[in-house]
Amino acid sequence: MRKDDLDRIEKWAATSLRTAFALLLTLILCGPAVAQSTTFHANGAFAFAFGCSESQTSFDCIQVFVATGSAKGQTTTFMFYDHTVSDVNTGAFLQDTFGFGTIPNSAFQVHALTDSLNVDTSTLSPDVFSNGCFTSDPNTTCNFSGGVVTGTWNVIPHLDTFHSSGASSEISPNTISITNGTSDSQAALANVNVLGAALANVTGQVGKQINTVISVQKRH
């Protein structure tokens, strides 16, 4: 790896998970009142990826967050995904596809240097996982049913572990996410796919969250 690439990765990693979440604040749109919410207590491994790509017609931003925790003495796994599309020329919002809730524990595998995710949210009960979609383009079909979300995270060697503590919030077109707690993490090369939309070779994060409360609210 070239030295300038390594410097860039180290500078990014130092921003921590909370700063990475804050990048999505550029997508803030006014929306109606909150209609649904869920709260998850994370206390274990997590993985996170976020990135944007540009085509001739659109600007796509994708994020995936998955974490382990417990409820009533049982291990549980929480996931949040979001795929936002805007017009590359005007910046106008076009579509937001998202989902959040608990997933099978087997869907998120954690190893020493590699984490992986594979889940089909369309098969999950709406009592435990919520899929949603909104579009401002009448010519676009919105997917309200969810689908397959996958990801792999490979730890980038020779980078420090980072520690963060406190509260952060993220507002996207259809969700509000609030995180309050402590995390220890390190940079990882991430590849994720959300309902067929791919995000390749971005610098994500893997690590552990400690006594962290995650609240996600629907805005419609």
N, C-alpha and C. Protein backbone atom coordinates (compact mmCIF):
# COMPACT_ATOMS: atom_id res chain seq x y z
N MET A 1 0.85 -1.20 0.00
CA MET A 1 0.00 0.00 0.00
C MET A 1 0.89 1.25 0.00
N ARG A 2 0.58 2.24 -0.82
CA ARG A 2 1.37 3.46 -0.88
C ARG A 2 1.23 4.25 0.41
N LYS A 3 2.29 5.02 0.72
CA LYS A 3 2.28 5.78 1.96
C LYS A 3 1.16 6.80 1.99
N ASP A 4 0.87 7.46 0.83
CA ASP A 4 -0.19 8.45 0.84
C ASP A 4 -1.56 7.82 1.07
N ASP A 5 -1.75 6.56 0.57
CA ASP A 5 -3.00 5.87 0.83
C ASP A 5 -3.13 5.52 2.31
N LEU A 6 -2.01 5.06 2.92
CA LEU A 6 -2.04 4.72 4.34
C LEU A 6 -2.32 5.95 5.19
N ASP A 7 -1.71 7.07 4.83
CA ASP A 7 -1.96 8.32 5.57
C ASP A 7 -3.42 8.71 5.49
N ARG A 8 -4.01 8.53 4.32
CA ARG A 8 -5.41 8.89 4.14
C ARG A 8 -6.31 8.01 5.01
N ILE A 9 -6.01 6.71 5.04
CA ILE A 9 -6.80 5.78 5.84
C ILE A 9 -6.68 6.10 7.32
N GLU A 10 -5.46 6.38 7.78
CA GLU A 10 -5.25 6.69 9.19
C GLU A 10 -5.99 7.96 9.59
N LYS A 11 -5.97 8.95 8.71
CA LYS A 11 -6.67 10.19 9.01
C LYS A 11 -8.17 9.95 9.09
N TRP A 12 -8.68 9.09 8.20
CA TRP A 12 -10.12 8.79 8.25
C TRP A 12 -10.48 8.05 9.52
N ALA A 13 -9.67 7.04 9.85
CA ALA A 13 -10.00 6.20 10.99
C ALA A 13 -10.06 7.00 12.27
N ALA A 14 -9.23 8.03 12.37
CA ALA A 14 -9.18 8.83 13.59
C ALA A 14 -10.46 9.59 13.86
N THR A 15 -11.30 9.70 12.85
CA THR A 15 -12.56 10.43 13.05
C THR A 15 -13.55 9.66 13.90
N SER A 16 -13.35 8.33 14.02
CA SER A 16 -14.20 7.44 14.84
C SER A 16 -15.57 7.23 14.24
N LEU A 17 -16.27 6.29 14.82
CA LEU A 17 -17.59 5.90 14.32
C LEU A 17 -18.57 7.05 14.38
N ARG A 18 -18.50 7.88 15.41
CA ARG A 18 -19.46 8.98 15.55
C ARG A 18 -19.32 9.98 14.41
N THR A 19 -18.09 10.28 14.00
CA THR A 19 -17.88 11.22 12.90
C THR A 19 -18.36 10.63 11.59
N ALA A 20 -18.15 9.34 11.40
CA ALA A 20 -18.62 8.70 10.17
C ALA A 20 -20.12 8.80 10.05
N PHE A 21 -20.83 8.59 11.16
CA PHE A 21 -22.28 8.74 11.14
C PHE A 21 -22.67 10.16 10.73
N ALA A 22 -21.92 11.14 11.18
CA ALA A 22 -22.29 12.53 10.94
C ALA A 22 -22.23 12.91 9.47
N LEU A 23 -21.52 12.14 8.66
CA LEU A 23 -21.44 12.44 7.23
C LEU A 23 -22.82 12.45 6.57
N LEU A 24 -23.73 11.65 7.09
CA LEU A 24 -25.05 11.57 6.47
C LEU A 24 -25.92 12.77 6.80
N LEU A 25 -25.45 13.68 7.62
CA LEU A 25 -26.25 14.87 7.92
C LEU A 25 -26.44 15.75 6.67
N THR A 26 -25.58 15.56 5.68
CA THR A 26 -25.75 16.30 4.43
C THR A 26 -27.02 15.88 3.70
N LEU A 27 -27.63 14.77 4.10
CA LEU A 27 -28.83 14.28 3.44
C LEU A 27 -30.11 14.72 4.14
N ILE A 28 -30.00 15.63 5.10
CA ILE A 28 -31.16 16.03 5.89
C ILE A 28 -32.25 16.61 5.00
N LEU A 29 -33.46 16.12 5.18
CA LEU A 29 -34.64 16.66 4.51
C LEU A 29 -35.73 16.84 5.55
N CYS A 30 -36.57 17.79 5.37
CA CYS A 30 -37.71 17.96 6.28
C CYS A 30 -38.69 16.81 6.05
N GLY A 31 -39.25 16.29 7.11
CA GLY A 31 -40.16 15.17 6.98
C GLY A 31 -41.24 15.23 8.01
N PRO A 32 -42.25 14.39 7.88
CA PRO A 32 -43.36 14.35 8.83
C PRO A 32 -42.95 13.74 10.15
N ALA A 33 -43.88 13.65 11.06
CA ALA A 33 -43.59 13.23 12.42
C ALA A 33 -43.21 11.76 12.48
N VAL A 34 -42.48 11.41 13.54
CA VAL A 34 -42.05 10.04 13.76
C VAL A 34 -43.26 9.14 13.99
N ALA A 35 -43.26 7.97 13.33
CA ALA A 35 -44.39 7.07 13.45
C ALA A 35 -44.02 5.74 14.08
N GLN A 36 -42.73 5.36 14.08
CA GLN A 36 -42.33 4.06 14.59
C GLN A 36 -40.89 4.15 15.05
N SER A 37 -40.54 3.40 16.09
CA SER A 37 -39.17 3.43 16.60
C SER A 37 -38.81 2.09 17.22
N THR A 38 -37.49 1.87 17.38
CA THR A 38 -37.00 0.69 18.06
C THR A 38 -35.75 1.07 18.82
N THR A 39 -35.50 0.40 19.93
CA THR A 39 -34.32 0.66 20.74
C THR A 39 -33.58 -0.65 20.97
N PHE A 40 -32.25 -0.59 20.81
CA PHE A 40 -31.42 -1.77 20.96
C PHE A 40 -30.26 -1.47 21.90
N HIS A 41 -29.97 -2.42 22.78
CA HIS A 41 -28.86 -2.27 23.73
C HIS A 41 -27.68 -3.11 23.22
N ALA A 42 -26.69 -2.42 22.66
CA ALA A 42 -25.52 -3.09 22.10
C ALA A 42 -24.45 -3.26 23.17
N ASN A 43 -23.88 -4.45 23.21
CA ASN A 43 -22.83 -4.72 24.19
C ASN A 43 -21.99 -5.88 23.66
N GLY A 44 -21.33 -5.62 22.53
CA GLY A 44 -20.54 -6.67 21.89
C GLY A 44 -20.00 -6.20 20.56
N ALA A 45 -19.76 -7.14 19.66
CA ALA A 45 -19.13 -6.84 18.37
C ALA A 45 -20.04 -6.00 17.48
N PHE A 46 -19.43 -5.16 16.67
CA PHE A 46 -20.18 -4.40 15.67
C PHE A 46 -19.33 -4.23 14.41
N ALA A 47 -20.01 -3.91 13.31
CA ALA A 47 -19.35 -3.58 12.05
C ALA A 47 -20.14 -2.47 11.37
N PHE A 48 -19.43 -1.59 10.69
CA PHE A 48 -20.07 -0.42 10.09
C PHE A 48 -19.40 -0.09 8.77
N ALA A 49 -20.20 0.28 7.78
CA ALA A 49 -19.67 0.72 6.48
C ALA A 49 -20.53 1.85 5.95
N PHE A 50 -19.87 2.83 5.37
CA PHE A 50 -20.59 3.94 4.75
C PHE A 50 -19.77 4.46 3.58
N GLY A 51 -20.46 4.81 2.48
CA GLY A 51 -19.77 5.39 1.34
C GLY A 51 -20.75 5.86 0.30
N CYS A 52 -20.26 6.68 -0.61
CA CYS A 52 -21.07 7.23 -1.69
C CYS A 52 -20.38 7.00 -3.03
N SER A 53 -21.17 6.90 -4.07
CA SER A 53 -20.64 6.77 -5.42
C SER A 53 -21.47 7.64 -6.36
N GLU A 54 -20.85 8.02 -7.45
CA GLU A 54 -21.50 8.93 -8.40
C GLU A 54 -21.54 8.32 -9.79
N SER A 55 -22.71 8.40 -10.43
CA SER A 55 -22.85 7.98 -11.82
C SER A 55 -23.20 9.22 -12.66
N GLN A 56 -23.54 9.00 -13.90
CA GLN A 56 -23.89 10.12 -14.77
C GLN A 56 -25.20 10.77 -14.37
N THR A 57 -26.06 10.01 -13.67
CA THR A 57 -27.39 10.54 -13.35
C THR A 57 -27.67 10.67 -11.85
N SER A 58 -26.94 9.91 -11.02
CA SER A 58 -27.31 9.89 -9.60
C SER A 58 -26.09 9.87 -8.69
N PHE A 59 -26.37 10.23 -7.43
CA PHE A 59 -25.38 10.18 -6.36
C PHE A 59 -25.95 9.24 -5.30
N ASP A 60 -25.30 8.09 -5.10
CA ASP A 60 -25.81 7.05 -4.21
C ASP A 60 -24.97 6.98 -2.94
N CYS A 61 -25.65 6.93 -1.79
CA CYS A 61 -24.97 6.73 -0.51
C CYS A 61 -25.56 5.50 0.17
N ILE A 62 -24.69 4.62 0.64
CA ILE A 62 -25.09 3.37 1.27
C ILE A 62 -24.42 3.27 2.64
N GLN A 63 -25.17 2.80 3.63
CA GLN A 63 -24.56 2.46 4.89
C GLN A 63 -25.18 1.20 5.45
N VAL A 64 -24.35 0.44 6.17
CA VAL A 64 -24.79 -0.76 6.86
C VAL A 64 -24.15 -0.75 8.25
N PHE A 65 -24.96 -1.01 9.26
CA PHE A 65 -24.47 -1.10 10.63
C PHE A 65 -25.08 -2.34 11.26
N VAL A 66 -24.25 -3.15 11.90
CA VAL A 66 -24.72 -4.36 12.56
C VAL A 66 -24.00 -4.49 13.89
N ALA A 67 -24.74 -4.90 14.94
CA ALA A 67 -24.16 -4.97 16.28
C ALA A 67 -24.83 -6.08 17.07
N THR A 68 -24.10 -6.61 18.04
CA THR A 68 -24.63 -7.64 18.92
C THR A 68 -24.93 -7.05 20.29
N GLY A 69 -25.87 -7.66 20.99
CA GLY A 69 -26.24 -7.21 22.33
C GLY A 69 -27.02 -8.30 23.03
N SER A 70 -27.84 -7.90 23.98
CA SER A 70 -28.63 -8.90 24.69
C SER A 70 -29.96 -8.30 25.11
N ALA A 71 -30.95 -9.17 25.23
CA ALA A 71 -32.28 -8.78 25.69
C ALA A 71 -32.87 -9.94 26.48
N LYS A 72 -33.25 -9.66 27.72
CA LYS A 72 -33.84 -10.68 28.60
C LYS A 72 -32.92 -11.90 28.73
N GLY A 73 -31.62 -11.60 28.79
CA GLY A 73 -30.66 -12.67 28.99
C GLY A 73 -30.28 -13.43 27.74
N GLN A 74 -30.84 -13.04 26.59
CA GLN A 74 -30.56 -13.73 25.33
C GLN A 74 -29.73 -12.84 24.40
N THR A 75 -28.77 -13.45 23.71
CA THR A 75 -27.98 -12.71 22.72
C THR A 75 -28.87 -12.32 21.55
N THR A 76 -28.74 -11.08 21.10
CA THR A 76 -29.51 -10.58 19.96
C THR A 76 -28.58 -9.82 19.02
N THR A 77 -29.02 -9.66 17.77
CA THR A 77 -28.24 -8.95 16.76
C THR A 77 -29.13 -7.92 16.09
N PHE A 78 -28.63 -6.71 15.99
CA PHE A 78 -29.37 -5.59 15.41
C PHE A 78 -28.70 -5.15 14.11
N MET A 79 -29.51 -4.76 13.12
CA MET A 79 -28.95 -4.24 11.87
C MET A 79 -29.75 -3.05 11.38
N PHE A 80 -29.04 -2.11 10.79
CA PHE A 80 -29.66 -0.95 10.13
C PHE A 80 -29.01 -0.80 8.77
N TYR A 81 -29.83 -0.64 7.72
CA TYR A 81 -29.28 -0.35 6.40
C TYR A 81 -30.00 0.84 5.79
N ASP A 82 -29.31 1.54 4.91
CA ASP A 82 -29.91 2.70 4.25
C ASP A 82 -29.24 2.91 2.89
N HIS A 83 -30.05 3.15 1.87
CA HIS A 83 -29.54 3.45 0.53
C HIS A 83 -30.30 4.66 0.00
N THR A 84 -29.60 5.77 -0.12
CA THR A 84 -30.21 7.02 -0.55
C THR A 84 -29.70 7.41 -1.93
N VAL A 85 -30.61 7.83 -2.79
CA VAL A 85 -30.26 8.24 -4.16
C VAL A 85 -30.72 9.67 -4.38
N SER A 86 -29.83 10.50 -4.91
CA SER A 86 -30.18 11.88 -5.24
C SER A 86 -29.71 12.19 -6.65
N ASP A 87 -30.27 13.23 -7.24
CA ASP A 87 -29.93 13.64 -8.60
C ASP A 87 -28.53 14.25 -8.61
N VAL A 88 -27.67 13.76 -9.49
CA VAL A 88 -26.28 14.21 -9.49
C VAL A 88 -26.13 15.65 -9.93
N ASN A 89 -27.09 16.16 -10.70
CA ASN A 89 -26.99 17.52 -11.21
C ASN A 89 -27.62 18.55 -10.29
N THR A 90 -28.76 18.21 -9.70
CA THR A 90 -29.49 19.18 -8.88
C THR A 90 -29.35 18.92 -7.38
N GLY A 91 -28.95 17.68 -7.02
CA GLY A 91 -28.89 17.33 -5.61
C GLY A 91 -30.25 16.97 -5.03
N ALA A 92 -31.28 16.99 -5.85
CA ALA A 92 -32.64 16.70 -5.37
C ALA A 92 -32.75 15.25 -4.93
N PHE A 93 -33.43 15.02 -3.82
CA PHE A 93 -33.66 13.67 -3.30
C PHE A 93 -34.57 12.90 -4.25
N LEU A 94 -34.19 11.64 -4.53
CA LEU A 94 -34.98 10.80 -5.42
C LEU A 94 -35.59 9.61 -4.70
N GLN A 95 -34.77 8.89 -3.90
CA GLN A 95 -35.28 7.68 -3.27
C GLN A 95 -34.46 7.31 -2.04
N ASP A 96 -35.15 6.73 -1.06
CA ASP A 96 -34.48 6.23 0.14
C ASP A 96 -35.06 4.86 0.48
N THR A 97 -34.20 3.85 0.52
CA THR A 97 -34.60 2.49 0.90
C THR A 97 -33.87 2.15 2.19
N PHE A 98 -34.59 1.66 3.20
CA PHE A 98 -33.98 1.49 4.51
C PHE A 98 -34.63 0.34 5.26
N GLY A 99 -33.97 -0.08 6.33
CA GLY A 99 -34.53 -1.11 7.20
C GLY A 99 -33.78 -1.16 8.50
N PHE A 100 -34.45 -1.58 9.57
CA PHE A 100 -33.80 -1.70 10.87
C PHE A 100 -34.56 -2.68 11.76
N GLY A 101 -33.82 -3.30 12.66
CA GLY A 101 -34.43 -4.23 13.59
C GLY A 101 -33.49 -5.38 13.92
N THR A 102 -34.02 -6.39 14.57
CA THR A 102 -33.21 -7.54 14.94
C THR A 102 -33.21 -8.58 13.82
N ILE A 103 -32.06 -9.25 13.69
CA ILE A 103 -31.87 -10.27 12.67
C ILE A 103 -31.36 -11.54 13.36
N PRO A 104 -31.40 -12.69 12.68
CA PRO A 104 -30.86 -13.91 13.30
C PRO A 104 -29.40 -13.74 13.70
N ASN A 105 -29.02 -14.26 14.85
CA ASN A 105 -27.64 -14.14 15.31
C ASN A 105 -26.65 -14.76 14.33
N SER A 106 -27.08 -15.81 13.65
CA SER A 106 -26.20 -16.50 12.70
C SER A 106 -25.88 -15.67 11.47
N ALA A 107 -26.64 -14.59 11.24
CA ALA A 107 -26.41 -13.76 10.05
C ALA A 107 -25.15 -12.92 10.16
N PHE A 108 -24.66 -12.69 11.38
CA PHE A 108 -23.48 -11.87 11.60
C PHE A 108 -22.40 -12.72 12.24
N GLN A 109 -21.33 -12.97 11.49
CA GLN A 109 -20.24 -13.81 11.95
C GLN A 109 -19.01 -12.96 12.25
N VAL A 110 -18.45 -13.15 13.43
CA VAL A 110 -17.31 -12.34 13.88
C VAL A 110 -16.11 -13.25 14.10
N HIS A 111 -14.99 -12.90 13.45
CA HIS A 111 -13.75 -13.65 13.61
C HIS A 111 -12.62 -12.66 13.95
N ALA A 112 -11.43 -13.16 14.13
CA ALA A 112 -10.32 -12.33 14.60
C ALA A 112 -10.05 -11.15 13.68
N LEU A 113 -10.01 -11.38 12.37
CA LEU A 113 -9.66 -10.33 11.42
C LEU A 113 -10.74 -10.09 10.37
N THR A 114 -11.80 -10.87 10.39
CA THR A 114 -12.84 -10.76 9.37
C THR A 114 -14.22 -10.89 9.99
N ASP A 115 -15.12 -9.98 9.64
CA ASP A 115 -16.53 -10.07 10.01
C ASP A 115 -17.34 -10.24 8.73
N SER A 116 -18.49 -10.91 8.83
CA SER A 116 -19.33 -11.09 7.65
C SER A 116 -20.80 -11.00 8.04
N LEU A 117 -21.61 -10.59 7.07
CA LEU A 117 -23.05 -10.41 7.25
C LEU A 117 -23.77 -10.98 6.05
N ASN A 118 -24.85 -11.71 6.30
CA ASN A 118 -25.67 -12.23 5.21
C ASN A 118 -27.07 -12.49 5.74
N VAL A 119 -28.03 -11.65 5.32
CA VAL A 119 -29.39 -11.80 5.80
C VAL A 119 -30.38 -11.35 4.73
N ASP A 120 -31.51 -12.02 4.66
CA ASP A 120 -32.59 -11.62 3.75
C ASP A 120 -33.70 -11.01 4.60
N THR A 121 -33.80 -9.70 4.59
CA THR A 121 -34.76 -9.03 5.47
C THR A 121 -36.21 -9.23 5.02
N SER A 122 -36.40 -9.65 3.78
CA SER A 122 -37.77 -9.88 3.31
C SER A 122 -38.40 -11.09 3.98
N THR A 123 -37.58 -11.94 4.59
CA THR A 123 -38.10 -13.15 5.24
C THR A 123 -38.36 -12.93 6.74
N LEU A 124 -38.02 -11.75 7.26
CA LEU A 124 -38.14 -11.49 8.69
C LEU A 124 -39.51 -10.94 9.02
N SER A 125 -40.00 -11.30 10.18
CA SER A 125 -41.31 -10.81 10.62
C SER A 125 -41.27 -9.30 10.83
N PRO A 126 -42.31 -8.57 10.41
CA PRO A 126 -42.37 -7.12 10.67
C PRO A 126 -42.43 -6.79 12.15
N ASP A 127 -42.66 -7.79 12.98
CA ASP A 127 -42.65 -7.57 14.43
C ASP A 127 -41.23 -7.33 14.94
N VAL A 128 -40.22 -7.81 14.19
CA VAL A 128 -38.83 -7.68 14.64
C VAL A 128 -37.97 -6.84 13.71
N PHE A 129 -38.40 -6.72 12.44
CA PHE A 129 -37.59 -5.94 11.48
C PHE A 129 -38.51 -5.14 10.57
N SER A 130 -38.17 -3.87 10.40
CA SER A 130 -38.98 -2.96 9.59
C SER A 130 -38.23 -2.57 8.32
N ASN A 131 -38.83 -2.84 7.16
CA ASN A 131 -38.31 -2.39 5.87
C ASN A 131 -39.15 -1.22 5.38
N GLY A 132 -38.52 -0.28 4.71
CA GLY A 132 -39.27 0.87 4.22
C GLY A 132 -38.64 1.48 2.98
N CYS A 133 -39.41 2.29 2.30
CA CYS A 133 -38.92 2.95 1.10
C CYS A 133 -39.75 4.20 0.82
N PHE A 134 -39.10 5.21 0.29
CA PHE A 134 -39.80 6.42 -0.13
C PHE A 134 -39.15 6.92 -1.41
N THR A 135 -39.96 7.36 -2.37
CA THR A 135 -39.43 7.91 -3.61
C THR A 135 -40.19 9.16 -4.00
N SER A 136 -39.47 10.10 -4.57
CA SER A 136 -40.09 11.30 -5.11
C SER A 136 -40.19 11.22 -6.63
N ASP A 137 -39.74 10.11 -7.19
CA ASP A 137 -39.75 9.90 -8.64
C ASP A 137 -40.89 8.96 -9.00
N PRO A 138 -41.94 9.45 -9.68
CA PRO A 138 -43.09 8.59 -10.01
C PRO A 138 -42.75 7.47 -10.98
N ASN A 139 -41.58 7.57 -11.62
CA ASN A 139 -41.17 6.54 -12.58
C ASN A 139 -40.33 5.45 -11.93
N THR A 140 -40.12 5.54 -10.62
CA THR A 140 -39.29 4.58 -9.91
C THR A 140 -40.15 3.71 -9.01
N THR A 141 -39.91 2.41 -9.06
CA THR A 141 -40.61 1.47 -8.18
C THR A 141 -39.88 1.36 -6.86
N CYS A 142 -40.61 1.52 -5.78
CA CYS A 142 -40.02 1.48 -4.44
C CYS A 142 -40.15 0.06 -3.86
N ASN A 143 -39.08 -0.40 -3.21
CA ASN A 143 -39.08 -1.73 -2.60
C ASN A 143 -39.40 -1.60 -1.11
N PHE A 144 -40.62 -1.98 -0.75
CA PHE A 144 -41.05 -1.92 0.65
C PHE A 144 -40.83 -3.25 1.37
N SER A 145 -40.42 -4.28 0.63
CA SER A 145 -40.37 -5.64 1.18
C SER A 145 -39.01 -6.03 1.73
N GLY A 146 -37.98 -5.22 1.48
CA GLY A 146 -36.64 -5.59 1.90
C GLY A 146 -36.00 -6.57 0.94
N GLY A 147 -34.94 -7.22 1.39
CA GLY A 147 -34.22 -8.16 0.54
C GLY A 147 -32.90 -8.53 1.18
N VAL A 148 -31.98 -8.97 0.34
CA VAL A 148 -30.70 -9.49 0.83
C VAL A 148 -29.73 -8.35 1.12
N VAL A 149 -29.14 -8.39 2.32
CA VAL A 149 -28.09 -7.45 2.72
C VAL A 149 -26.88 -8.29 3.11
N THR A 150 -25.74 -8.01 2.47
CA THR A 150 -24.52 -8.76 2.76
C THR A 150 -23.37 -7.79 3.02
N GLY A 151 -22.34 -8.30 3.67
CA GLY A 151 -21.17 -7.48 3.91
C GLY A 151 -19.99 -8.31 4.39
N THR A 152 -18.79 -7.85 4.06
CA THR A 152 -17.56 -8.41 4.62
C THR A 152 -16.67 -7.26 5.07
N TRP A 153 -16.04 -7.45 6.20
CA TRP A 153 -15.10 -6.47 6.75
C TRP A 153 -13.79 -7.18 7.06
N ASN A 154 -12.70 -6.71 6.47
CA ASN A 154 -11.38 -7.26 6.71
C ASN A 154 -10.50 -6.21 7.38
N VAL A 155 -10.03 -6.53 8.58
CA VAL A 155 -9.24 -5.56 9.36
C VAL A 155 -8.00 -5.14 8.57
N ILE A 156 -7.74 -3.83 8.56
CA ILE A 156 -6.54 -3.29 7.92
C ILE A 156 -5.41 -3.32 8.96
N PRO A 157 -4.36 -4.10 8.70
CA PRO A 157 -3.29 -4.24 9.70
C PRO A 157 -2.53 -2.93 9.95
N HIS A 158 -1.89 -2.89 11.09
CA HIS A 158 -0.95 -1.82 11.44
C HIS A 158 -1.62 -0.47 11.64
N LEU A 159 -2.87 -0.48 11.98
CA LEU A 159 -3.55 0.75 12.36
C LEU A 159 -3.98 0.65 13.81
N ASP A 160 -3.99 1.77 14.51
CA ASP A 160 -4.33 1.78 15.92
C ASP A 160 -5.81 1.48 16.15
N THR A 161 -6.11 1.05 17.36
CA THR A 161 -7.49 0.91 17.80
C THR A 161 -7.96 2.25 18.37
N PHE A 162 -9.19 2.62 18.05
CA PHE A 162 -9.72 3.92 18.46
C PHE A 162 -10.85 3.75 19.46
N HIS A 163 -10.92 4.70 20.35
CA HIS A 163 -11.90 4.66 21.44
C HIS A 163 -12.77 5.92 21.35
N SER A 164 -14.09 5.76 21.45
CA SER A 164 -14.98 6.91 21.46
C SER A 164 -16.08 6.68 22.48
N SER A 165 -16.58 7.77 23.04
CA SER A 165 -17.62 7.67 24.05
C SER A 165 -18.50 8.90 23.98
N GLY A 166 -19.81 8.70 24.15
CA GLY A 166 -20.74 9.82 24.12
C GLY A 166 -21.91 9.56 23.20
N ALA A 167 -22.59 10.62 22.83
CA ALA A 167 -23.80 10.52 22.02
C ALA A 167 -23.57 11.08 20.62
N SER A 168 -24.25 10.51 19.65
CA SER A 168 -24.24 11.01 18.28
C SER A 168 -25.61 10.79 17.66
N SER A 169 -25.91 11.53 16.62
CA SER A 169 -27.19 11.37 15.94
C SER A 169 -26.99 11.48 14.45
N GLU A 170 -27.88 10.83 13.71
CA GLU A 170 -27.87 10.86 12.25
C GLU A 170 -29.30 11.04 11.77
N ILE A 171 -29.48 11.93 10.81
CA ILE A 171 -30.81 12.16 10.23
C ILE A 171 -30.72 11.90 8.73
N SER A 172 -31.47 10.94 8.26
CA SER A 172 -31.57 10.68 6.83
C SER A 172 -33.02 10.95 6.42
N PRO A 173 -33.32 10.87 5.14
CA PRO A 173 -34.67 11.27 4.71
C PRO A 173 -35.82 10.58 5.44
N ASN A 174 -35.63 9.35 5.89
CA ASN A 174 -36.75 8.63 6.48
C ASN A 174 -36.49 8.06 7.86
N THR A 175 -35.31 8.26 8.41
CA THR A 175 -35.00 7.74 9.73
C THR A 175 -34.18 8.74 10.55
N ILE A 176 -34.29 8.61 11.86
CA ILE A 176 -33.44 9.32 12.80
C ILE A 176 -32.78 8.27 13.68
N SER A 177 -31.45 8.29 13.76
CA SER A 177 -30.71 7.31 14.54
C SER A 177 -29.92 8.03 15.62
N ILE A 178 -30.08 7.59 16.87
CA ILE A 178 -29.37 8.18 18.00
C ILE A 178 -28.58 7.07 18.70
N THR A 179 -27.29 7.31 18.89
CA THR A 179 -26.42 6.33 19.54
C THR A 179 -25.77 6.98 20.76
N ASN A 180 -25.79 6.27 21.88
CA ASN A 180 -25.21 6.80 23.11
C ASN A 180 -24.49 5.68 23.84
N GLY A 181 -23.16 5.77 23.92
CA GLY A 181 -22.40 4.73 24.59
C GLY A 181 -20.93 4.81 24.26
N THR A 182 -20.25 3.68 24.36
CA THR A 182 -18.80 3.61 24.19
C THR A 182 -18.46 2.58 23.13
N SER A 183 -17.43 2.87 22.34
CA SER A 183 -16.99 1.90 21.34
C SER A 183 -15.48 1.91 21.20
N ASP A 184 -14.92 0.74 20.95
CA ASP A 184 -13.52 0.57 20.59
C ASP A 184 -13.50 -0.06 19.21
N SER A 185 -12.75 0.54 18.28
CA SER A 185 -12.83 0.06 16.91
C SER A 185 -11.51 0.23 16.19
N GLN A 186 -11.45 -0.40 15.01
CA GLN A 186 -10.32 -0.21 14.12
C GLN A 186 -10.80 -0.26 12.68
N ALA A 187 -9.99 0.28 11.78
CA ALA A 187 -10.38 0.36 10.38
C ALA A 187 -10.40 -1.02 9.74
N ALA A 188 -11.34 -1.19 8.80
CA ALA A 188 -11.46 -2.45 8.07
C ALA A 188 -11.91 -2.15 6.64
N LEU A 189 -11.39 -2.91 5.71
CA LEU A 189 -11.82 -2.79 4.31
C LEU A 189 -13.17 -3.47 4.18
N ALA A 190 -14.18 -2.70 3.75
CA ALA A 190 -15.55 -3.19 3.73
C ALA A 190 -16.10 -3.29 2.31
N ASN A 191 -16.88 -4.34 2.09
CA ASN A 191 -17.66 -4.51 0.87
C ASN A 191 -19.06 -4.91 1.29
N VAL A 192 -20.05 -4.09 0.97
CA VAL A 192 -21.43 -4.39 1.35
C VAL A 192 -22.34 -4.30 0.14
N ASN A 193 -23.47 -4.99 0.25
CA ASN A 193 -24.48 -4.95 -0.81
C ASN A 193 -25.84 -4.86 -0.16
N VAL A 194 -26.60 -3.84 -0.53
CA VAL A 194 -27.92 -3.59 0.04
C VAL A 194 -28.97 -3.73 -1.05
N LEU A 195 -29.70 -4.82 -1.02
CA LEU A 195 -30.79 -5.07 -1.96
C LEU A 195 -30.34 -4.90 -3.41
N GLY A 196 -29.11 -5.35 -3.71
CA GLY A 196 -28.57 -5.28 -5.05
C GLY A 196 -27.69 -4.10 -5.34
N ALA A 197 -27.66 -3.10 -4.46
CA ALA A 197 -26.80 -1.94 -4.62
C ALA A 197 -25.50 -2.17 -3.87
N ALA A 198 -24.38 -2.10 -4.57
CA ALA A 198 -23.09 -2.48 -3.99
C ALA A 198 -22.27 -1.26 -3.59
N LEU A 199 -21.54 -1.43 -2.51
CA LEU A 199 -20.55 -0.46 -2.03
C LEU A 199 -19.26 -1.24 -1.85
N ALA A 200 -18.24 -0.93 -2.68
CA ALA A 200 -17.06 -1.78 -2.73
C ALA A 200 -15.81 -1.05 -2.23
N ASN A 201 -15.01 -1.78 -1.47
CA ASN A 201 -13.68 -1.35 -1.06
C ASN A 201 -13.67 0.03 -0.40
N VAL A 202 -14.52 0.17 0.61
CA VAL A 202 -14.51 1.40 1.40
C VAL A 202 -13.92 1.09 2.78
N THR A 203 -13.42 2.12 3.44
CA THR A 203 -12.86 1.93 4.77
C THR A 203 -13.98 2.01 5.79
N GLY A 204 -14.31 0.86 6.36
CA GLY A 204 -15.33 0.79 7.39
C GLY A 204 -14.69 0.64 8.76
N GLN A 205 -15.48 0.18 9.71
CA GLN A 205 -14.98 -0.03 11.06
C GLN A 205 -15.55 -1.31 11.65
N VAL A 206 -14.73 -1.98 12.45
CA VAL A 206 -15.17 -3.12 13.24
C VAL A 206 -14.65 -2.94 14.66
N GLY A 207 -15.33 -3.55 15.60
CA GLY A 207 -14.88 -3.42 16.98
C GLY A 207 -15.93 -3.89 17.95
N LYS A 208 -15.96 -3.22 19.10
CA LYS A 208 -16.86 -3.62 20.17
C LYS A 208 -17.55 -2.40 20.75
N GLN A 209 -18.85 -2.53 20.99
CA GLN A 209 -19.59 -1.48 21.67
C GLN A 209 -19.89 -1.93 23.10
N ILE A 210 -19.83 -0.96 24.02
CA ILE A 210 -19.97 -1.25 25.43
C ILE A 210 -21.12 -0.43 26.00
N ASN A 211 -22.14 -1.12 26.50
CA ASN A 211 -23.29 -0.45 27.13
C ASN A 211 -23.80 0.71 26.26
N THR A 212 -24.05 0.40 25.01
CA THR A 212 -24.49 1.41 24.05
C THR A 212 -25.98 1.25 23.74
N VAL A 213 -26.70 2.35 23.78
CA VAL A 213 -28.12 2.35 23.44
C VAL A 213 -28.28 2.95 22.05
N ILE A 214 -28.92 2.21 21.16
CA ILE A 214 -29.16 2.66 19.79
C ILE A 214 -30.66 2.78 19.58
N SER A 215 -31.10 3.96 19.19
CA SER A 215 -32.51 4.20 18.93
C SER A 215 -32.70 4.64 17.49
N VAL A 216 -33.57 3.94 16.76
CA VAL A 216 -33.87 4.29 15.37
C VAL A 216 -35.35 4.59 15.26
N GLN A 217 -35.69 5.71 14.65
CA GLN A 217 -37.08 6.14 14.53
C GLN A 217 -37.42 6.37 13.06
N LYS A 218 -38.58 5.88 12.67
CA LYS A 218 -39.11 6.19 11.34
C LYS A 218 -39.65 7.59 11.33
N ARG A 219 -39.53 8.28 10.20
CA ARG A 219 -40.02 9.66 10.10
C ARG A 219 -41.31 9.74 9.29
N HIS A 220 -41.93 8.65 8.98
CA HIS A 220 -43.19 8.70 8.22
C HIS A 220 -44.11 7.59 8.63
